[in-house]
Amino acid sequence: MSSSSETRALFERPAVEVAPLLLGGILSRTSLQGTTSLRITEVEAYLGVGEDPGSHSFRGMTRSNSVMFGEPLHLYTYFTYGMHTCANVVCSPVGSASGILLRAGEIVEGSDLAHERRGQAVAMRDLARGPARLTKALGIPLSDGGADLAQPPYELRMPDQPAPYETSLRTGLGGPGGGPEFPWRFFIPGDPTVSPYKRHPKLLPFDPAGG
């Protein structure tokens, strides 16, 4: 993308359309300690009210998910398992509430700082391999929810060319949101930083034959 206005216009589309285009893009965050950047290798798309039972916005707007209903190209953060922050990029026009979960990436700048946050013994491929690891490696706090990814301390650079990708069911989701109707996990095949798919223990096995 040649400008932030073109990038923002791209994110006015539904998350399922934008998600594969985000692969290979570079997300950076600058703090007092320095800049950390990652190449995005894995994402998941989530749609809006009444469309997607796996989405936080499925039942409508609340105080905690209101950012999803706001301007595209902003950051939607949430707390999970009582200890981890996850980050999403808001998509679609205001009021539509779709978003892209940042699931994994390769640290391409600021690896020393990412190691300070994640641990010196952590392998390079594992620094941001998983949504909670990604936010910790980049230093994204829960309080950054609502931040504009086209403004400091963030920068999002889309890839010059779309990356090759594969799809799967979304990982770790039980119920209909994790089922075959929603093959909305997008990842760069063969990339070592992509996290392994994990089927929710309560998700019924998928029979491609429909039996």
N, C-alpha and C. Protein backbone atom coordinates (compact mmCIF):
# COMPACT_ATOMS: atom_id res chain seq x y z
N MET A 1 0.83 -1.19 0.00
CA MET A 1 0.00 0.00 0.00
C MET A 1 0.88 1.25 0.00
N SER A 2 0.49 2.26 -0.77
CA SER A 2 1.34 3.42 -0.92
C SER A 2 1.05 4.52 0.09
N SER A 3 -0.06 4.43 0.81
CA SER A 3 -0.39 5.47 1.78
C SER A 3 -1.27 4.89 2.87
N SER A 4 -1.29 5.60 4.02
CA SER A 4 -2.13 5.14 5.13
C SER A 4 -3.61 5.24 4.78
N SER A 5 -3.99 6.20 3.91
CA SER A 5 -5.40 6.33 3.53
C SER A 5 -5.84 5.13 2.69
N GLU A 6 -4.96 4.63 1.81
CA GLU A 6 -5.30 3.45 1.03
C GLU A 6 -5.40 2.22 1.92
N THR A 7 -4.49 2.13 2.89
CA THR A 7 -4.53 1.01 3.83
C THR A 7 -5.82 1.04 4.63
N ARG A 8 -6.21 2.21 5.11
CA ARG A 8 -7.44 2.31 5.90
C ARG A 8 -8.65 1.94 5.05
N ALA A 9 -8.65 2.37 3.79
CA ALA A 9 -9.76 2.02 2.90
C ALA A 9 -9.86 0.52 2.71
N LEU A 10 -8.71 -0.16 2.63
CA LEU A 10 -8.71 -1.62 2.49
C LEU A 10 -9.41 -2.27 3.67
N PHE A 11 -9.19 -1.75 4.88
CA PHE A 11 -9.74 -2.35 6.08
C PHE A 11 -11.21 -2.00 6.30
N GLU A 12 -11.81 -1.25 5.39
CA GLU A 12 -13.25 -1.02 5.44
C GLU A 12 -14.02 -2.21 4.88
N ARG A 13 -13.31 -3.19 4.36
CA ARG A 13 -13.93 -4.42 3.86
C ARG A 13 -14.08 -5.43 4.99
N PRO A 14 -14.92 -6.47 4.81
CA PRO A 14 -15.10 -7.49 5.86
C PRO A 14 -13.79 -8.22 6.17
N ALA A 15 -13.67 -8.68 7.39
CA ALA A 15 -12.44 -9.31 7.86
C ALA A 15 -12.05 -10.53 7.03
N VAL A 16 -13.02 -11.30 6.57
CA VAL A 16 -12.68 -12.50 5.80
C VAL A 16 -12.04 -12.17 4.46
N GLU A 17 -12.29 -10.98 3.94
CA GLU A 17 -11.65 -10.54 2.70
C GLU A 17 -10.26 -9.96 2.96
N VAL A 18 -10.11 -9.26 4.07
CA VAL A 18 -8.85 -8.58 4.36
C VAL A 18 -7.81 -9.52 4.96
N ALA A 19 -8.26 -10.51 5.74
CA ALA A 19 -7.34 -11.34 6.52
C ALA A 19 -6.20 -11.94 5.70
N PRO A 20 -6.46 -12.59 4.55
CA PRO A 20 -5.34 -13.17 3.80
C PRO A 20 -4.40 -12.12 3.25
N LEU A 21 -4.91 -10.90 3.00
CA LEU A 21 -4.07 -9.83 2.47
C LEU A 21 -3.11 -9.29 3.52
N LEU A 22 -3.43 -9.53 4.79
CA LEU A 22 -2.59 -9.05 5.88
C LEU A 22 -1.34 -9.91 6.06
N LEU A 23 -1.39 -11.14 5.58
CA LEU A 23 -0.25 -12.04 5.72
C LEU A 23 0.97 -11.49 4.97
N GLY A 24 2.10 -11.49 5.65
CA GLY A 24 3.31 -10.92 5.09
C GLY A 24 3.49 -9.45 5.39
N GLY A 25 2.46 -8.82 5.93
CA GLY A 25 2.57 -7.43 6.34
C GLY A 25 3.44 -7.27 7.58
N ILE A 26 3.93 -6.05 7.81
CA ILE A 26 4.81 -5.77 8.94
C ILE A 26 4.10 -4.87 9.94
N LEU A 27 3.94 -5.33 11.17
CA LEU A 27 3.38 -4.54 12.25
C LEU A 27 4.49 -4.15 13.21
N SER A 28 4.61 -2.86 13.50
CA SER A 28 5.64 -2.35 14.40
C SER A 28 5.01 -1.58 15.55
N ARG A 29 5.65 -1.67 16.70
CA ARG A 29 5.27 -0.85 17.84
C ARG A 29 6.54 -0.27 18.46
N THR A 30 6.52 1.03 18.70
CA THR A 30 7.67 1.73 19.28
C THR A 30 7.34 2.14 20.71
N SER A 31 8.26 1.85 21.61
CA SER A 31 8.13 2.23 23.01
C SER A 31 9.39 2.97 23.43
N LEU A 32 9.48 3.34 24.69
CA LEU A 32 10.70 3.98 25.19
C LEU A 32 11.90 3.06 25.07
N GLN A 33 11.67 1.76 25.06
CA GLN A 33 12.76 0.78 24.97
C GLN A 33 13.23 0.58 23.53
N GLY A 34 12.42 0.97 22.55
CA GLY A 34 12.80 0.79 21.16
C GLY A 34 11.64 0.29 20.33
N THR A 35 11.94 -0.08 19.09
CA THR A 35 10.93 -0.55 18.14
C THR A 35 11.04 -2.05 17.94
N THR A 36 9.90 -2.71 17.97
CA THR A 36 9.83 -4.13 17.65
C THR A 36 8.86 -4.31 16.49
N SER A 37 9.26 -5.11 15.51
CA SER A 37 8.43 -5.33 14.32
C SER A 37 8.30 -6.82 14.05
N LEU A 38 7.15 -7.20 13.51
CA LEU A 38 6.99 -8.60 13.11
C LEU A 38 6.32 -8.70 11.76
N ARG A 39 6.66 -9.74 11.05
CA ARG A 39 6.01 -10.11 9.79
C ARG A 39 4.86 -11.06 10.14
N ILE A 40 3.67 -10.68 9.79
CA ILE A 40 2.47 -11.44 10.15
C ILE A 40 2.38 -12.72 9.33
N THR A 41 2.25 -13.86 10.01
CA THR A 41 2.23 -15.15 9.31
C THR A 41 0.94 -15.94 9.55
N GLU A 42 0.13 -15.53 10.51
CA GLU A 42 -1.10 -16.29 10.82
C GLU A 42 -2.13 -15.36 11.43
N VAL A 43 -3.36 -15.45 10.95
CA VAL A 43 -4.46 -14.62 11.43
C VAL A 43 -5.75 -15.43 11.44
N GLU A 44 -6.76 -14.91 12.10
CA GLU A 44 -8.11 -15.47 12.04
C GLU A 44 -9.10 -14.33 11.84
N ALA A 45 -10.12 -14.56 11.00
CA ALA A 45 -11.14 -13.55 10.73
C ALA A 45 -12.39 -13.83 11.56
N TYR A 46 -13.02 -12.75 12.01
CA TYR A 46 -14.27 -12.82 12.78
C TYR A 46 -15.23 -11.75 12.26
N LEU A 47 -16.49 -12.15 12.07
CA LEU A 47 -17.49 -11.21 11.56
C LEU A 47 -18.36 -10.66 12.69
N GLY A 48 -19.48 -10.03 12.32
CA GLY A 48 -20.21 -9.22 13.28
C GLY A 48 -21.49 -9.82 13.84
N VAL A 49 -22.38 -8.93 14.23
CA VAL A 49 -23.59 -9.26 14.98
C VAL A 49 -24.44 -10.27 14.20
N GLY A 50 -24.77 -11.39 14.84
CA GLY A 50 -25.64 -12.39 14.25
C GLY A 50 -25.03 -13.20 13.14
N GLU A 51 -23.80 -12.90 12.71
CA GLU A 51 -23.17 -13.59 11.59
C GLU A 51 -22.22 -14.69 12.03
N ASP A 52 -21.56 -14.49 13.15
CA ASP A 52 -20.41 -15.32 13.50
C ASP A 52 -20.45 -15.66 14.99
N PRO A 53 -20.86 -16.87 15.36
CA PRO A 53 -20.96 -17.24 16.77
C PRO A 53 -19.62 -17.30 17.49
N GLY A 54 -18.53 -17.27 16.75
CA GLY A 54 -17.22 -17.25 17.38
C GLY A 54 -16.73 -15.86 17.71
N SER A 55 -17.45 -14.84 17.26
CA SER A 55 -17.02 -13.46 17.42
C SER A 55 -17.51 -12.85 18.73
N HIS A 56 -16.70 -11.97 19.30
CA HIS A 56 -17.10 -11.25 20.52
C HIS A 56 -18.28 -10.32 20.25
N SER A 57 -18.52 -9.98 18.99
CA SER A 57 -19.60 -9.06 18.66
C SER A 57 -20.90 -9.76 18.26
N PHE A 58 -20.94 -11.07 18.35
CA PHE A 58 -22.07 -11.84 17.84
C PHE A 58 -23.40 -11.39 18.44
N ARG A 59 -23.42 -11.10 19.73
CA ARG A 59 -24.67 -10.73 20.41
C ARG A 59 -24.87 -9.21 20.53
N GLY A 60 -24.02 -8.45 19.88
CA GLY A 60 -24.19 -7.01 19.89
C GLY A 60 -23.10 -6.28 20.65
N MET A 61 -23.22 -4.98 20.68
CA MET A 61 -22.19 -4.15 21.27
C MET A 61 -22.29 -4.10 22.79
N THR A 62 -21.15 -4.20 23.44
CA THR A 62 -21.03 -4.04 24.88
C THR A 62 -19.90 -3.05 25.15
N ARG A 63 -19.72 -2.71 26.40
CA ARG A 63 -18.63 -1.79 26.74
C ARG A 63 -17.28 -2.39 26.38
N SER A 64 -17.12 -3.70 26.56
CA SER A 64 -15.82 -4.32 26.33
C SER A 64 -15.50 -4.52 24.85
N ASN A 65 -16.52 -4.68 23.99
CA ASN A 65 -16.23 -4.93 22.58
C ASN A 65 -16.54 -3.74 21.68
N SER A 66 -16.80 -2.57 22.27
CA SER A 66 -17.25 -1.42 21.48
C SER A 66 -16.25 -0.99 20.42
N VAL A 67 -14.95 -1.22 20.65
CA VAL A 67 -13.94 -0.84 19.66
C VAL A 67 -14.17 -1.57 18.34
N MET A 68 -14.70 -2.81 18.41
CA MET A 68 -14.97 -3.57 17.19
C MET A 68 -15.99 -2.88 16.29
N PHE A 69 -16.83 -2.06 16.87
CA PHE A 69 -17.87 -1.36 16.12
C PHE A 69 -17.41 0.00 15.61
N GLY A 70 -16.16 0.33 15.88
CA GLY A 70 -15.64 1.64 15.54
C GLY A 70 -14.88 1.69 14.24
N GLU A 71 -13.95 2.63 14.13
CA GLU A 71 -13.20 2.88 12.91
C GLU A 71 -12.32 1.69 12.55
N PRO A 72 -12.24 1.36 11.25
CA PRO A 72 -11.33 0.30 10.83
C PRO A 72 -9.87 0.71 11.03
N LEU A 73 -9.01 -0.28 11.04
CA LEU A 73 -7.57 -0.12 11.22
C LEU A 73 -7.22 0.35 12.63
N HIS A 74 -8.11 0.10 13.57
CA HIS A 74 -7.82 0.34 14.98
C HIS A 74 -7.62 -1.00 15.68
N LEU A 75 -7.03 -0.94 16.85
CA LEU A 75 -6.68 -2.15 17.59
C LEU A 75 -7.77 -2.50 18.59
N TYR A 76 -8.25 -3.72 18.52
CA TYR A 76 -9.19 -4.25 19.52
C TYR A 76 -8.43 -5.27 20.36
N THR A 77 -8.31 -5.00 21.66
CA THR A 77 -7.61 -5.92 22.56
C THR A 77 -8.58 -6.52 23.56
N TYR A 78 -8.26 -7.73 24.02
CA TYR A 78 -9.05 -8.35 25.07
C TYR A 78 -8.16 -9.25 25.92
N PHE A 79 -8.64 -9.53 27.11
CA PHE A 79 -7.92 -10.34 28.09
C PHE A 79 -8.48 -11.75 28.05
N THR A 80 -7.62 -12.75 28.06
CA THR A 80 -8.07 -14.14 28.01
C THR A 80 -7.36 -14.98 29.05
N TYR A 81 -8.04 -15.98 29.57
CA TYR A 81 -7.52 -16.89 30.60
C TYR A 81 -7.01 -16.14 31.83
N GLY A 82 -7.50 -14.93 32.04
CA GLY A 82 -7.12 -14.17 33.22
C GLY A 82 -5.69 -13.72 33.26
N MET A 83 -4.95 -13.84 32.13
CA MET A 83 -3.53 -13.49 32.18
C MET A 83 -2.96 -12.99 30.87
N HIS A 84 -3.63 -13.18 29.73
CA HIS A 84 -3.03 -12.88 28.43
C HIS A 84 -3.84 -11.82 27.69
N THR A 85 -3.14 -10.98 26.96
CA THR A 85 -3.76 -10.01 26.06
C THR A 85 -3.69 -10.52 24.63
N CYS A 86 -4.78 -10.42 23.90
CA CYS A 86 -4.81 -10.73 22.47
C CYS A 86 -5.18 -9.47 21.71
N ALA A 87 -4.72 -9.39 20.45
CA ALA A 87 -4.92 -8.17 19.66
C ALA A 87 -5.57 -8.49 18.33
N ASN A 88 -6.48 -7.63 17.92
CA ASN A 88 -7.20 -7.75 16.65
C ASN A 88 -7.16 -6.43 15.91
N VAL A 89 -7.22 -6.52 14.58
CA VAL A 89 -7.34 -5.33 13.74
C VAL A 89 -8.80 -5.20 13.34
N VAL A 90 -9.41 -4.06 13.65
CA VAL A 90 -10.82 -3.82 13.32
C VAL A 90 -10.97 -3.62 11.81
N CYS A 91 -12.00 -4.26 11.25
CA CYS A 91 -12.31 -4.14 9.82
C CYS A 91 -13.75 -3.69 9.64
N SER A 92 -14.13 -3.44 8.37
CA SER A 92 -15.49 -3.11 7.96
C SER A 92 -15.85 -1.67 8.35
N PRO A 93 -16.90 -1.12 7.72
CA PRO A 93 -17.34 0.23 8.08
C PRO A 93 -17.79 0.30 9.53
N VAL A 94 -17.82 1.50 10.06
CA VAL A 94 -18.27 1.72 11.43
C VAL A 94 -19.63 1.07 11.64
N GLY A 95 -19.76 0.31 12.72
CA GLY A 95 -21.00 -0.36 13.07
C GLY A 95 -21.07 -1.81 12.66
N SER A 96 -20.14 -2.28 11.83
CA SER A 96 -20.21 -3.65 11.32
C SER A 96 -19.50 -4.67 12.20
N ALA A 97 -18.47 -4.24 12.92
CA ALA A 97 -17.83 -5.07 13.95
C ALA A 97 -17.20 -6.36 13.47
N SER A 98 -16.38 -6.30 12.43
CA SER A 98 -15.57 -7.47 12.11
C SER A 98 -14.12 -7.17 12.44
N GLY A 99 -13.33 -8.23 12.64
CA GLY A 99 -11.95 -8.02 13.04
C GLY A 99 -11.08 -9.22 12.72
N ILE A 100 -9.76 -8.97 12.76
CA ILE A 100 -8.77 -10.00 12.45
C ILE A 100 -7.88 -10.22 13.65
N LEU A 101 -7.91 -11.42 14.21
CA LEU A 101 -7.05 -11.78 15.32
C LEU A 101 -5.63 -12.02 14.80
N LEU A 102 -4.65 -11.36 15.40
CA LEU A 102 -3.25 -11.57 15.06
C LEU A 102 -2.75 -12.78 15.83
N ARG A 103 -2.53 -13.89 15.12
CA ARG A 103 -2.22 -15.15 15.80
C ARG A 103 -0.72 -15.45 15.89
N ALA A 104 0.06 -15.03 14.90
CA ALA A 104 1.48 -15.38 14.94
C ALA A 104 2.25 -14.52 13.94
N GLY A 105 3.56 -14.42 14.18
CA GLY A 105 4.42 -13.68 13.27
C GLY A 105 5.90 -13.94 13.55
N GLU A 106 6.71 -13.44 12.65
CA GLU A 106 8.16 -13.55 12.77
C GLU A 106 8.73 -12.19 13.18
N ILE A 107 9.46 -12.14 14.28
CA ILE A 107 10.10 -10.90 14.69
C ILE A 107 11.21 -10.56 13.70
N VAL A 108 11.11 -9.40 13.07
CA VAL A 108 12.09 -9.00 12.05
C VAL A 108 12.87 -7.76 12.48
N GLU A 109 12.51 -7.16 13.58
CA GLU A 109 13.23 -6.02 14.14
C GLU A 109 13.01 -6.00 15.64
N GLY A 110 14.08 -5.70 16.38
CA GLY A 110 13.95 -5.61 17.83
C GLY A 110 13.90 -6.95 18.52
N SER A 111 14.62 -7.94 18.00
CA SER A 111 14.58 -9.27 18.60
C SER A 111 15.14 -9.27 20.02
N ASP A 112 16.13 -8.43 20.30
CA ASP A 112 16.67 -8.35 21.66
C ASP A 112 15.59 -7.89 22.64
N LEU A 113 14.83 -6.90 22.24
CA LEU A 113 13.74 -6.40 23.09
C LEU A 113 12.64 -7.45 23.24
N ALA A 114 12.32 -8.14 22.15
CA ALA A 114 11.32 -9.22 22.22
C ALA A 114 11.78 -10.33 23.16
N HIS A 115 13.08 -10.65 23.14
CA HIS A 115 13.61 -11.66 24.06
C HIS A 115 13.54 -11.19 25.50
N GLU A 116 13.76 -9.91 25.74
CA GLU A 116 13.63 -9.38 27.11
C GLU A 116 12.21 -9.60 27.63
N ARG A 117 11.25 -9.42 26.76
CA ARG A 117 9.84 -9.56 27.17
C ARG A 117 9.41 -11.02 27.29
N ARG A 118 9.96 -11.88 26.44
CA ARG A 118 9.51 -13.26 26.39
C ARG A 118 10.46 -14.25 27.08
N GLY A 119 11.72 -13.84 27.27
CA GLY A 119 12.70 -14.74 27.87
C GLY A 119 13.86 -14.98 26.93
N GLN A 120 15.06 -14.93 27.46
CA GLN A 120 16.25 -15.04 26.63
C GLN A 120 16.39 -16.42 25.98
N ALA A 121 15.84 -17.44 26.60
CA ALA A 121 16.00 -18.80 26.09
C ALA A 121 14.97 -19.17 25.02
N VAL A 122 14.00 -18.28 24.77
CA VAL A 122 12.95 -18.59 23.81
C VAL A 122 13.53 -18.58 22.39
N ALA A 123 13.24 -19.61 21.62
CA ALA A 123 13.70 -19.69 20.24
C ALA A 123 13.09 -18.58 19.40
N MET A 124 13.81 -18.13 18.39
CA MET A 124 13.33 -17.05 17.53
C MET A 124 11.95 -17.37 16.95
N ARG A 125 11.73 -18.61 16.51
CA ARG A 125 10.46 -18.94 15.87
C ARG A 125 9.29 -18.88 16.86
N ASP A 126 9.59 -18.98 18.15
CA ASP A 126 8.54 -19.01 19.16
C ASP A 126 8.27 -17.66 19.81
N LEU A 127 9.01 -16.63 19.46
CA LEU A 127 8.84 -15.34 20.12
C LEU A 127 7.42 -14.81 19.98
N ALA A 128 6.83 -14.97 18.79
CA ALA A 128 5.47 -14.47 18.55
C ALA A 128 4.60 -15.55 17.92
N ARG A 129 4.83 -16.77 18.32
CA ARG A 129 4.11 -17.93 17.75
C ARG A 129 2.91 -18.26 18.63
N GLY A 130 1.81 -17.57 18.38
CA GLY A 130 0.61 -17.67 19.19
C GLY A 130 0.16 -16.27 19.57
N PRO A 131 -1.15 -16.04 19.73
CA PRO A 131 -1.66 -14.67 19.91
C PRO A 131 -1.18 -13.97 21.18
N ALA A 132 -1.08 -14.70 22.29
CA ALA A 132 -0.61 -14.08 23.53
C ALA A 132 0.90 -13.82 23.48
N ARG A 133 1.64 -14.72 22.86
CA ARG A 133 3.08 -14.51 22.70
C ARG A 133 3.35 -13.32 21.79
N LEU A 134 2.53 -13.16 20.77
CA LEU A 134 2.68 -12.06 19.82
C LEU A 134 2.55 -10.71 20.53
N THR A 135 1.52 -10.55 21.32
CA THR A 135 1.32 -9.27 22.00
C THR A 135 2.43 -9.00 23.01
N LYS A 136 2.90 -10.04 23.68
CA LYS A 136 3.97 -9.85 24.65
C LYS A 136 5.27 -9.48 23.96
N ALA A 137 5.58 -10.14 22.85
CA ALA A 137 6.81 -9.85 22.13
C ALA A 137 6.82 -8.42 21.60
N LEU A 138 5.66 -7.95 21.11
CA LEU A 138 5.57 -6.58 20.60
C LEU A 138 5.37 -5.55 21.70
N GLY A 139 5.06 -6.01 22.91
CA GLY A 139 4.80 -5.08 24.01
C GLY A 139 3.45 -4.42 23.92
N ILE A 140 2.44 -5.12 23.38
CA ILE A 140 1.09 -4.56 23.25
C ILE A 140 0.33 -4.77 24.55
N PRO A 141 -0.02 -3.72 25.28
CA PRO A 141 -0.80 -3.89 26.50
C PRO A 141 -2.31 -3.84 26.22
N LEU A 142 -3.08 -4.33 27.16
CA LEU A 142 -4.53 -4.28 27.03
C LEU A 142 -5.01 -2.84 26.85
N SER A 143 -4.32 -1.89 27.47
CA SER A 143 -4.72 -0.49 27.43
C SER A 143 -4.56 0.14 26.06
N ASP A 144 -3.90 -0.54 25.12
CA ASP A 144 -3.77 -0.01 23.77
C ASP A 144 -5.00 -0.28 22.92
N GLY A 145 -6.02 -0.89 23.48
CA GLY A 145 -7.27 -1.07 22.75
C GLY A 145 -7.80 0.26 22.26
N GLY A 146 -8.14 0.33 20.98
CA GLY A 146 -8.59 1.57 20.38
C GLY A 146 -7.51 2.34 19.66
N ALA A 147 -6.25 1.91 19.80
CA ALA A 147 -5.15 2.61 19.15
C ALA A 147 -5.27 2.53 17.63
N ASP A 148 -4.88 3.62 16.97
CA ASP A 148 -4.89 3.69 15.51
C ASP A 148 -3.60 3.07 14.99
N LEU A 149 -3.70 2.03 14.17
CA LEU A 149 -2.50 1.35 13.68
C LEU A 149 -1.79 2.12 12.58
N ALA A 150 -2.34 3.27 12.19
CA ALA A 150 -1.66 4.13 11.23
C ALA A 150 -1.01 5.33 11.91
N GLN A 151 -0.97 5.31 13.24
CA GLN A 151 -0.40 6.41 14.00
C GLN A 151 0.56 5.87 15.05
N PRO A 152 1.61 6.65 15.42
CA PRO A 152 2.50 6.22 16.49
C PRO A 152 1.71 5.93 17.77
N PRO A 153 2.13 4.91 18.53
CA PRO A 153 3.38 4.15 18.43
C PRO A 153 3.34 2.97 17.45
N TYR A 154 2.28 2.89 16.61
CA TYR A 154 2.14 1.76 15.70
C TYR A 154 2.41 2.17 14.25
N GLU A 155 2.80 1.18 13.48
CA GLU A 155 2.88 1.31 12.03
C GLU A 155 2.55 -0.05 11.43
N LEU A 156 1.65 -0.06 10.45
CA LEU A 156 1.30 -1.28 9.73
C LEU A 156 1.63 -1.09 8.26
N ARG A 157 2.53 -1.92 7.74
CA ARG A 157 2.90 -1.87 6.33
C ARG A 157 2.39 -3.14 5.66
N MET A 158 1.53 -2.96 4.69
CA MET A 158 0.98 -4.09 3.97
C MET A 158 2.04 -4.63 3.00
N PRO A 159 1.97 -5.92 2.67
CA PRO A 159 2.96 -6.50 1.75
C PRO A 159 2.81 -5.92 0.35
N ASP A 160 3.92 -5.88 -0.39
CA ASP A 160 3.88 -5.40 -1.77
C ASP A 160 3.09 -6.34 -2.66
N GLN A 161 3.17 -7.64 -2.36
CA GLN A 161 2.46 -8.66 -3.10
C GLN A 161 1.75 -9.59 -2.13
N PRO A 162 0.55 -10.06 -2.45
CA PRO A 162 -0.14 -11.00 -1.55
C PRO A 162 0.71 -12.26 -1.33
N ALA A 163 0.75 -12.71 -0.09
CA ALA A 163 1.50 -13.92 0.24
C ALA A 163 0.67 -15.16 -0.10
N PRO A 164 1.32 -16.26 -0.46
CA PRO A 164 0.58 -17.52 -0.61
C PRO A 164 0.03 -17.93 0.76
N TYR A 165 -1.14 -18.52 0.79
CA TYR A 165 -1.71 -18.88 2.08
C TYR A 165 -2.57 -20.13 1.97
N GLU A 166 -2.80 -20.73 3.14
CA GLU A 166 -3.75 -21.82 3.28
C GLU A 166 -4.75 -21.45 4.37
N THR A 167 -5.83 -22.23 4.46
CA THR A 167 -6.86 -21.97 5.45
C THR A 167 -7.14 -23.22 6.27
N SER A 168 -7.76 -23.01 7.42
CA SER A 168 -8.22 -24.12 8.25
C SER A 168 -9.37 -23.63 9.10
N LEU A 169 -9.94 -24.53 9.88
CA LEU A 169 -10.88 -24.10 10.91
C LEU A 169 -10.14 -23.23 11.90
N ARG A 170 -10.88 -22.39 12.61
CA ARG A 170 -10.25 -21.54 13.62
C ARG A 170 -9.85 -22.39 14.83
N THR A 171 -8.71 -22.09 15.38
CA THR A 171 -8.14 -22.96 16.40
C THR A 171 -8.70 -22.68 17.79
N GLY A 172 -8.93 -23.76 18.54
CA GLY A 172 -9.32 -23.65 19.94
C GLY A 172 -10.75 -23.24 20.20
N LEU A 173 -11.60 -23.16 19.17
CA LEU A 173 -12.99 -22.75 19.36
C LEU A 173 -13.90 -23.95 19.41
N GLY A 174 -14.76 -24.00 20.44
CA GLY A 174 -15.78 -25.01 20.50
C GLY A 174 -17.09 -24.47 19.94
N GLY A 175 -18.10 -25.33 19.82
CA GLY A 175 -19.38 -24.88 19.31
C GLY A 175 -19.32 -24.53 17.84
N PRO A 176 -20.38 -23.91 17.32
CA PRO A 176 -20.46 -23.65 15.89
C PRO A 176 -19.37 -22.71 15.37
N GLY A 177 -18.85 -21.83 16.22
CA GLY A 177 -17.81 -20.91 15.78
C GLY A 177 -16.52 -21.59 15.37
N GLY A 178 -16.31 -22.83 15.84
CA GLY A 178 -15.10 -23.56 15.47
C GLY A 178 -15.33 -24.59 14.39
N GLY A 179 -16.52 -24.63 13.85
CA GLY A 179 -16.89 -25.68 12.91
C GLY A 179 -16.50 -25.39 11.47
N PRO A 180 -16.82 -26.31 10.57
CA PRO A 180 -16.40 -26.21 9.17
C PRO A 180 -17.06 -25.08 8.40
N GLU A 181 -18.11 -24.48 8.97
CA GLU A 181 -18.71 -23.33 8.30
C GLU A 181 -17.83 -22.09 8.37
N PHE A 182 -16.80 -22.16 9.21
CA PHE A 182 -15.96 -20.99 9.44
C PHE A 182 -14.48 -21.34 9.26
N PRO A 183 -14.05 -21.63 8.04
CA PRO A 183 -12.64 -21.95 7.78
C PRO A 183 -11.81 -20.68 7.64
N TRP A 184 -11.80 -19.87 8.68
CA TRP A 184 -11.31 -18.50 8.58
C TRP A 184 -9.99 -18.27 9.31
N ARG A 185 -9.22 -19.35 9.46
CA ARG A 185 -7.83 -19.20 9.89
C ARG A 185 -6.97 -19.19 8.64
N PHE A 186 -6.17 -18.15 8.48
CA PHE A 186 -5.33 -17.98 7.30
C PHE A 186 -3.87 -17.96 7.73
N PHE A 187 -3.03 -18.70 7.03
CA PHE A 187 -1.62 -18.77 7.43
C PHE A 187 -0.72 -19.02 6.23
N ILE A 188 0.55 -18.65 6.39
CA ILE A 188 1.53 -18.87 5.35
C ILE A 188 2.05 -20.29 5.49
N PRO A 189 1.82 -21.14 4.51
CA PRO A 189 2.19 -22.56 4.65
C PRO A 189 3.70 -22.74 4.76
N GLY A 190 4.09 -23.64 5.67
CA GLY A 190 5.49 -23.98 5.84
C GLY A 190 6.29 -22.99 6.66
N ASP A 191 5.67 -21.90 7.09
CA ASP A 191 6.42 -20.94 7.89
C ASP A 191 6.57 -21.46 9.32
N PRO A 192 7.80 -21.48 9.86
CA PRO A 192 8.01 -22.07 11.19
C PRO A 192 7.38 -21.29 12.34
N THR A 193 6.99 -20.05 12.09
CA THR A 193 6.39 -19.26 13.17
C THR A 193 4.88 -19.48 13.31
N VAL A 194 4.26 -20.16 12.36
CA VAL A 194 2.82 -20.42 12.44
C VAL A 194 2.54 -21.38 13.58
N SER A 195 1.55 -21.06 14.39
CA SER A 195 1.23 -21.91 15.54
C SER A 195 0.46 -23.15 15.10
N PRO A 196 0.56 -24.25 15.84
CA PRO A 196 -0.15 -25.47 15.46
C PRO A 196 -1.65 -25.32 15.67
N TYR A 197 -2.43 -25.94 14.78
CA TYR A 197 -3.88 -25.95 14.95
C TYR A 197 -4.25 -26.80 16.17
N LYS A 198 -5.16 -26.28 17.00
CA LYS A 198 -5.62 -27.02 18.16
C LYS A 198 -7.15 -27.08 18.13
N ARG A 199 -7.67 -28.29 18.04
CA ARG A 199 -9.12 -28.47 18.05
C ARG A 199 -9.63 -28.41 19.47
N HIS A 200 -10.70 -27.66 19.68
CA HIS A 200 -11.31 -27.56 21.00
C HIS A 200 -11.82 -28.95 21.42
N PRO A 201 -11.62 -29.35 22.69
CA PRO A 201 -12.03 -30.71 23.08
C PRO A 201 -13.53 -30.96 22.97
N LYS A 202 -14.33 -29.90 22.94
CA LYS A 202 -15.78 -30.07 22.84
C LYS A 202 -16.28 -29.93 21.40
N LEU A 203 -15.38 -29.70 20.47
CA LEU A 203 -15.80 -29.57 19.08
C LEU A 203 -15.98 -30.95 18.47
N LEU A 204 -17.14 -31.18 17.85
CA LEU A 204 -17.40 -32.48 17.25
C LEU A 204 -16.46 -32.69 16.07
N PRO A 205 -16.02 -33.94 15.85
CA PRO A 205 -15.15 -34.21 14.70
C PRO A 205 -15.85 -33.84 13.40
N PHE A 206 -15.06 -33.31 12.47
CA PHE A 206 -15.60 -32.91 11.17
C PHE A 206 -15.45 -34.03 10.17
N ASP A 207 -16.56 -34.41 9.56
CA ASP A 207 -16.56 -35.44 8.54
C ASP A 207 -16.72 -34.79 7.18
N PRO A 208 -15.67 -34.71 6.36
CA PRO A 208 -15.79 -34.02 5.08
C PRO A 208 -16.86 -34.63 4.18
N ALA A 209 -17.19 -35.90 4.38
CA ALA A 209 -18.22 -36.56 3.57
C ALA A 209 -19.63 -36.22 4.02
N GLY A 210 -19.71 -35.58 5.17
CA GLY A 210 -21.01 -35.16 5.68
C GLY A 210 -21.78 -36.25 6.40
N GLY A 211 -21.10 -37.36 6.74
CA GLY A 211 -21.78 -38.45 7.41
C GLY A 211 -21.80 -38.32 8.91
